[in-house]
Amino acid sequence: MPFKEKEIEKLYYSIGELSLMFDVNPSLIRFWEKEFDIIKPHKNKKGNRMFSKEDVENFRIIFNLVKERGFTLQGAKDKLKGNKEDTVNTSEVVHSLQRIKAFLLELKKEL
């Protein structure tokens, strides 16, 4: 039986890595951390923020609501408080569709 390597996933991401993932300034990440209680990064001994995979997903949800769908910060907070599960599902669908689109565009370019 052939050995299959699993993709190595990081346990924590730095604020710089999160900033690059979403193409935003680190100051926005720090601001949203204060505004939204679902983003709870761990801090190491130096005080550097270390974001878990859950924090990254929560940031993606907030990013989708505020930057892509045009919600105000208060509107995003209310939406998350009112029906977080529906919001999460919608965000996951949008993220999946974006990955599929990127894949198809790359495939088209290679043809």
N, C-alpha and C. Protein backbone atom coordinates (compact mmCIF):
# COMPACT_ATOMS: atom_id res chain seq x y z
N MET A 1 0.86 -1.18 0.00
CA MET A 1 0.00 0.00 0.00
C MET A 1 0.90 1.24 0.00
N PRO A 2 0.75 2.11 -0.99
CA PRO A 2 1.63 3.28 -1.07
C PRO A 2 1.34 4.27 0.07
N PHE A 3 2.40 4.91 0.50
CA PHE A 3 2.30 5.90 1.57
C PHE A 3 1.84 7.23 0.99
N LYS A 4 0.81 7.81 1.59
CA LYS A 4 0.31 9.11 1.13
C LYS A 4 0.66 10.16 2.16
N GLU A 5 1.31 11.20 1.69
CA GLU A 5 1.64 12.29 2.60
C GLU A 5 0.45 13.21 2.75
N LYS A 6 0.20 13.59 3.96
CA LYS A 6 -0.85 14.57 4.23
C LYS A 6 -0.24 15.95 4.13
N GLU A 7 -1.03 16.89 3.70
CA GLU A 7 -0.55 18.27 3.69
C GLU A 7 -0.28 18.71 5.11
N ILE A 8 0.83 19.36 5.28
CA ILE A 8 1.17 19.85 6.61
C ILE A 8 0.44 21.17 6.82
N GLU A 9 -0.34 21.21 7.87
CA GLU A 9 -1.06 22.43 8.20
C GLU A 9 -0.41 23.05 9.41
N LYS A 10 -0.34 24.35 9.38
CA LYS A 10 0.24 25.06 10.50
C LYS A 10 -0.78 25.14 11.62
N LEU A 11 -0.30 25.14 12.84
CA LEU A 11 -1.18 25.31 13.98
C LEU A 11 -1.52 26.78 14.17
N TYR A 12 -0.54 27.65 13.92
CA TYR A 12 -0.73 29.08 14.14
C TYR A 12 -0.15 29.87 12.97
N TYR A 13 -0.76 31.01 12.72
CA TYR A 13 -0.31 31.93 11.67
C TYR A 13 0.00 33.27 12.32
N SER A 14 1.05 33.91 11.85
CA SER A 14 1.41 35.23 12.37
C SER A 14 0.48 36.28 11.78
N ILE A 15 0.52 37.46 12.34
CA ILE A 15 -0.32 38.56 11.83
C ILE A 15 0.13 38.92 10.41
N GLY A 16 1.43 38.78 10.13
CA GLY A 16 1.93 39.05 8.78
C GLY A 16 1.39 38.06 7.77
N GLU A 17 1.34 36.79 8.15
CA GLU A 17 0.80 35.77 7.25
C GLU A 17 -0.69 36.00 7.01
N LEU A 18 -1.42 36.35 8.05
CA LEU A 18 -2.85 36.63 7.91
C LEU A 18 -3.06 37.85 7.02
N SER A 19 -2.21 38.84 7.20
CA SER A 19 -2.26 40.05 6.39
C SER A 19 -2.07 39.74 4.91
N LEU A 20 -1.12 38.86 4.60
CA LEU A 20 -0.88 38.47 3.21
C LEU A 20 -2.03 37.64 2.64
N MET A 21 -2.60 36.76 3.46
CA MET A 21 -3.71 35.91 3.01
C MET A 21 -4.88 36.74 2.49
N PHE A 22 -5.17 37.83 3.20
CA PHE A 22 -6.36 38.62 2.88
C PHE A 22 -6.02 39.95 2.21
N ASP A 23 -4.73 40.21 2.00
CA ASP A 23 -4.28 41.45 1.38
C ASP A 23 -4.82 42.68 2.12
N VAL A 24 -4.62 42.68 3.44
CA VAL A 24 -5.03 43.80 4.28
C VAL A 24 -3.85 44.20 5.16
N ASN A 25 -3.92 45.38 5.73
CA ASN A 25 -2.88 45.84 6.65
C ASN A 25 -3.02 45.14 8.00
N PRO A 26 -1.90 44.88 8.68
CA PRO A 26 -1.98 44.29 10.01
C PRO A 26 -2.80 45.13 10.99
N SER A 27 -2.84 46.45 10.77
CA SER A 27 -3.62 47.31 11.66
C SER A 27 -5.11 46.97 11.60
N LEU A 28 -5.61 46.56 10.42
CA LEU A 28 -7.01 46.16 10.29
C LEU A 28 -7.27 44.89 11.09
N ILE A 29 -6.32 43.98 11.06
CA ILE A 29 -6.47 42.72 11.81
C ILE A 29 -6.53 43.02 13.30
N ARG A 30 -5.63 43.89 13.78
CA ARG A 30 -5.64 44.25 15.20
C ARG A 30 -6.95 44.95 15.57
N PHE A 31 -7.44 45.83 14.69
CA PHE A 31 -8.69 46.54 14.94
C PHE A 31 -9.86 45.57 15.03
N TRP A 32 -9.96 44.65 14.06
CA TRP A 32 -11.07 43.69 14.06
C TRP A 32 -10.97 42.76 15.26
N GLU A 33 -9.75 42.47 15.70
CA GLU A 33 -9.57 41.64 16.89
C GLU A 33 -10.24 42.29 18.10
N LYS A 34 -10.13 43.62 18.19
CA LYS A 34 -10.75 44.35 19.30
C LYS A 34 -12.26 44.45 19.13
N GLU A 35 -12.71 44.57 17.89
CA GLU A 35 -14.13 44.76 17.61
C GLU A 35 -14.96 43.47 17.67
N PHE A 36 -14.36 42.35 17.28
CA PHE A 36 -15.09 41.08 17.18
C PHE A 36 -14.52 40.10 18.19
N ASP A 37 -15.36 39.63 19.09
CA ASP A 37 -14.87 38.72 20.13
C ASP A 37 -14.64 37.29 19.63
N ILE A 38 -14.97 36.99 18.37
CA ILE A 38 -14.71 35.65 17.86
C ILE A 38 -13.27 35.49 17.37
N ILE A 39 -12.53 36.57 17.26
CA ILE A 39 -11.12 36.49 16.90
C ILE A 39 -10.32 36.60 18.19
N LYS A 40 -9.70 35.49 18.57
CA LYS A 40 -8.98 35.44 19.85
C LYS A 40 -7.60 34.83 19.64
N PRO A 41 -6.66 35.61 19.11
CA PRO A 41 -5.33 35.04 18.88
C PRO A 41 -4.60 34.78 20.20
N HIS A 42 -3.75 33.76 20.17
CA HIS A 42 -2.87 33.50 21.31
C HIS A 42 -1.69 34.45 21.18
N LYS A 43 -1.10 34.78 22.29
CA LYS A 43 0.10 35.62 22.24
C LYS A 43 1.25 34.83 22.83
N ASN A 44 2.39 34.89 22.13
CA ASN A 44 3.55 34.18 22.66
C ASN A 44 4.24 35.04 23.73
N LYS A 45 5.38 34.58 24.22
CA LYS A 45 6.06 35.29 25.30
C LYS A 45 6.48 36.70 24.90
N LYS A 46 6.73 36.89 23.62
CA LYS A 46 7.10 38.23 23.12
C LYS A 46 5.88 39.13 22.94
N GLY A 47 4.69 38.55 23.00
CA GLY A 47 3.47 39.33 22.80
C GLY A 47 2.98 39.31 21.36
N ASN A 48 3.63 38.53 20.50
CA ASN A 48 3.20 38.43 19.11
C ASN A 48 1.91 37.63 19.01
N ARG A 49 1.02 38.10 18.19
CA ARG A 49 -0.25 37.41 17.99
C ARG A 49 -0.04 36.17 17.12
N MET A 50 -0.63 35.06 17.54
CA MET A 50 -0.57 33.82 16.79
C MET A 50 -2.01 33.35 16.57
N PHE A 51 -2.43 33.36 15.31
CA PHE A 51 -3.81 33.07 14.96
C PHE A 51 -3.99 31.59 14.62
N SER A 52 -4.96 30.95 15.27
CA SER A 52 -5.27 29.55 14.99
C SER A 52 -6.05 29.45 13.68
N LYS A 53 -6.23 28.22 13.21
CA LYS A 53 -7.02 28.01 12.00
C LYS A 53 -8.45 28.52 12.20
N GLU A 54 -8.98 28.35 13.40
CA GLU A 54 -10.33 28.85 13.71
C GLU A 54 -10.37 30.38 13.62
N ASP A 55 -9.31 31.04 14.12
CA ASP A 55 -9.25 32.50 14.02
C ASP A 55 -9.22 32.94 12.56
N VAL A 56 -8.46 32.21 11.73
CA VAL A 56 -8.37 32.54 10.30
C VAL A 56 -9.75 32.39 9.65
N GLU A 57 -10.46 31.32 9.98
CA GLU A 57 -11.80 31.12 9.42
C GLU A 57 -12.77 32.22 9.89
N ASN A 58 -12.68 32.59 11.17
CA ASN A 58 -13.53 33.67 11.68
C ASN A 58 -13.20 34.99 10.99
N PHE A 59 -11.91 35.23 10.76
CA PHE A 59 -11.50 36.45 10.04
C PHE A 59 -12.06 36.42 8.62
N ARG A 60 -12.03 35.23 8.00
CA ARG A 60 -12.56 35.10 6.63
C ARG A 60 -14.06 35.44 6.60
N ILE A 61 -14.80 35.01 7.61
CA ILE A 61 -16.23 35.30 7.69
C ILE A 61 -16.46 36.81 7.82
N ILE A 62 -15.71 37.43 8.71
CA ILE A 62 -15.85 38.88 8.91
C ILE A 62 -15.44 39.62 7.65
N PHE A 63 -14.35 39.18 7.02
CA PHE A 63 -13.88 39.80 5.78
C PHE A 63 -14.97 39.71 4.71
N ASN A 64 -15.60 38.55 4.60
CA ASN A 64 -16.68 38.37 3.63
C ASN A 64 -17.83 39.33 3.90
N LEU A 65 -18.22 39.43 5.16
CA LEU A 65 -19.35 40.30 5.49
C LEU A 65 -19.03 41.77 5.24
N VAL A 66 -17.87 42.22 5.71
CA VAL A 66 -17.55 43.65 5.67
C VAL A 66 -16.99 44.09 4.32
N LYS A 67 -15.99 43.39 3.83
CA LYS A 67 -15.30 43.84 2.62
C LYS A 67 -15.99 43.39 1.33
N GLU A 68 -16.57 42.20 1.33
CA GLU A 68 -17.15 41.68 0.10
C GLU A 68 -18.65 41.94 -0.01
N ARG A 69 -19.35 41.91 1.12
CA ARG A 69 -20.80 42.09 1.07
C ARG A 69 -21.25 43.48 1.53
N GLY A 70 -20.32 44.29 2.03
CA GLY A 70 -20.61 45.68 2.34
C GLY A 70 -21.31 45.94 3.67
N PHE A 71 -21.25 45.01 4.61
CA PHE A 71 -21.85 45.22 5.92
C PHE A 71 -21.03 46.26 6.69
N THR A 72 -21.71 47.01 7.56
CA THR A 72 -20.99 47.85 8.52
C THR A 72 -20.46 46.92 9.61
N LEU A 73 -19.56 47.44 10.44
CA LEU A 73 -19.05 46.60 11.53
C LEU A 73 -20.18 46.17 12.45
N GLN A 74 -21.07 47.11 12.78
CA GLN A 74 -22.20 46.77 13.65
C GLN A 74 -23.12 45.77 12.96
N GLY A 75 -23.34 45.95 11.66
CA GLY A 75 -24.17 45.01 10.91
C GLY A 75 -23.58 43.62 10.90
N ALA A 76 -22.25 43.53 10.76
CA ALA A 76 -21.57 42.23 10.79
C ALA A 76 -21.68 41.59 12.17
N LYS A 77 -21.52 42.41 13.22
CA LYS A 77 -21.66 41.89 14.59
C LYS A 77 -23.06 41.33 14.81
N ASP A 78 -24.07 42.10 14.36
CA ASP A 78 -25.46 41.67 14.53
C ASP A 78 -25.73 40.38 13.74
N LYS A 79 -25.20 40.30 12.54
CA LYS A 79 -25.40 39.12 11.69
C LYS A 79 -24.78 37.89 12.35
N LEU A 80 -23.57 38.06 12.90
CA LEU A 80 -22.90 36.94 13.57
C LEU A 80 -23.63 36.54 14.84
N LYS A 81 -24.16 37.52 15.55
CA LYS A 81 -24.87 37.23 16.80
C LYS A 81 -26.21 36.57 16.50
N GLY A 82 -26.88 37.02 15.44
CA GLY A 82 -28.22 36.53 15.13
C GLY A 82 -28.24 35.12 14.58
N ASN A 83 -27.40 34.85 13.60
CA ASN A 83 -27.43 33.54 12.96
C ASN A 83 -26.04 33.19 12.45
N LYS A 84 -25.15 32.88 13.35
CA LYS A 84 -23.75 32.63 12.98
C LYS A 84 -23.62 31.42 12.06
N GLU A 85 -24.37 30.37 12.32
CA GLU A 85 -24.24 29.15 11.51
C GLU A 85 -24.57 29.42 10.04
N ASP A 86 -25.64 30.15 9.78
CA ASP A 86 -26.01 30.49 8.41
C ASP A 86 -24.93 31.35 7.76
N THR A 87 -24.39 32.30 8.52
CA THR A 87 -23.34 33.17 8.02
C THR A 87 -22.09 32.38 7.69
N VAL A 88 -21.74 31.44 8.55
CA VAL A 88 -20.56 30.59 8.33
C VAL A 88 -20.75 29.75 7.07
N ASN A 89 -21.92 29.15 6.92
CA ASN A 89 -22.19 28.32 5.74
C ASN A 89 -22.11 29.13 4.46
N THR A 90 -22.68 30.33 4.46
CA THR A 90 -22.62 31.20 3.29
C THR A 90 -21.19 31.56 2.97
N SER A 91 -20.42 31.90 3.98
CA SER A 91 -19.02 32.26 3.79
C SER A 91 -18.22 31.10 3.22
N GLU A 92 -18.48 29.89 3.71
CA GLU A 92 -17.77 28.71 3.20
C GLU A 92 -18.12 28.45 1.74
N VAL A 93 -19.37 28.64 1.37
CA VAL A 93 -19.77 28.44 -0.02
C VAL A 93 -19.06 29.46 -0.92
N VAL A 94 -19.04 30.71 -0.49
CA VAL A 94 -18.37 31.76 -1.27
C VAL A 94 -16.89 31.43 -1.42
N HIS A 95 -16.25 31.01 -0.34
CA HIS A 95 -14.83 30.68 -0.39
C HIS A 95 -14.58 29.50 -1.34
N SER A 96 -15.42 28.49 -1.29
CA SER A 96 -15.27 27.34 -2.18
C SER A 96 -15.44 27.76 -3.64
N LEU A 97 -16.43 28.59 -3.90
CA LEU A 97 -16.65 29.06 -5.27
C LEU A 97 -15.47 29.89 -5.78
N GLN A 98 -14.86 30.68 -4.91
CA GLN A 98 -13.70 31.46 -5.30
C GLN A 98 -12.52 30.56 -5.66
N ARG A 99 -12.33 29.48 -4.88
CA ARG A 99 -11.25 28.54 -5.18
C ARG A 99 -11.51 27.83 -6.51
N ILE A 100 -12.77 27.45 -6.76
CA ILE A 100 -13.12 26.79 -8.02
C ILE A 100 -12.89 27.73 -9.19
N LYS A 101 -13.29 28.98 -9.03
CA LYS A 101 -13.10 29.98 -10.09
C LYS A 101 -11.61 30.14 -10.40
N ALA A 102 -10.79 30.26 -9.37
CA ALA A 102 -9.35 30.41 -9.57
C ALA A 102 -8.78 29.20 -10.30
N PHE A 103 -9.22 28.00 -9.91
CA PHE A 103 -8.77 26.78 -10.56
C PHE A 103 -9.16 26.77 -12.03
N LEU A 104 -10.42 27.12 -12.32
CA LEU A 104 -10.90 27.12 -13.70
C LEU A 104 -10.18 28.16 -14.55
N LEU A 105 -9.91 29.33 -13.98
CA LEU A 105 -9.17 30.36 -14.72
C LEU A 105 -7.75 29.90 -15.02
N GLU A 106 -7.13 29.21 -14.07
CA GLU A 106 -5.78 28.68 -14.28
C GLU A 106 -5.81 27.60 -15.36
N LEU A 107 -6.83 26.75 -15.33
CA LEU A 107 -7.00 25.71 -16.33
C LEU A 107 -7.19 26.32 -17.71
N LYS A 108 -8.00 27.35 -17.80
CA LYS A 108 -8.26 28.04 -19.06
C LYS A 108 -6.97 28.63 -19.62
N LYS A 109 -6.16 29.19 -18.73
CA LYS A 109 -4.90 29.80 -19.16
C LYS A 109 -3.95 28.76 -19.75
N GLU A 110 -4.01 27.54 -19.22
CA GLU A 110 -3.12 26.49 -19.70
C GLU A 110 -3.58 25.87 -21.03
N LEU A 111 -4.82 26.08 -21.43
CA LEU A 111 -5.32 25.50 -22.67
C LEU A 111 -4.87 26.27 -23.88
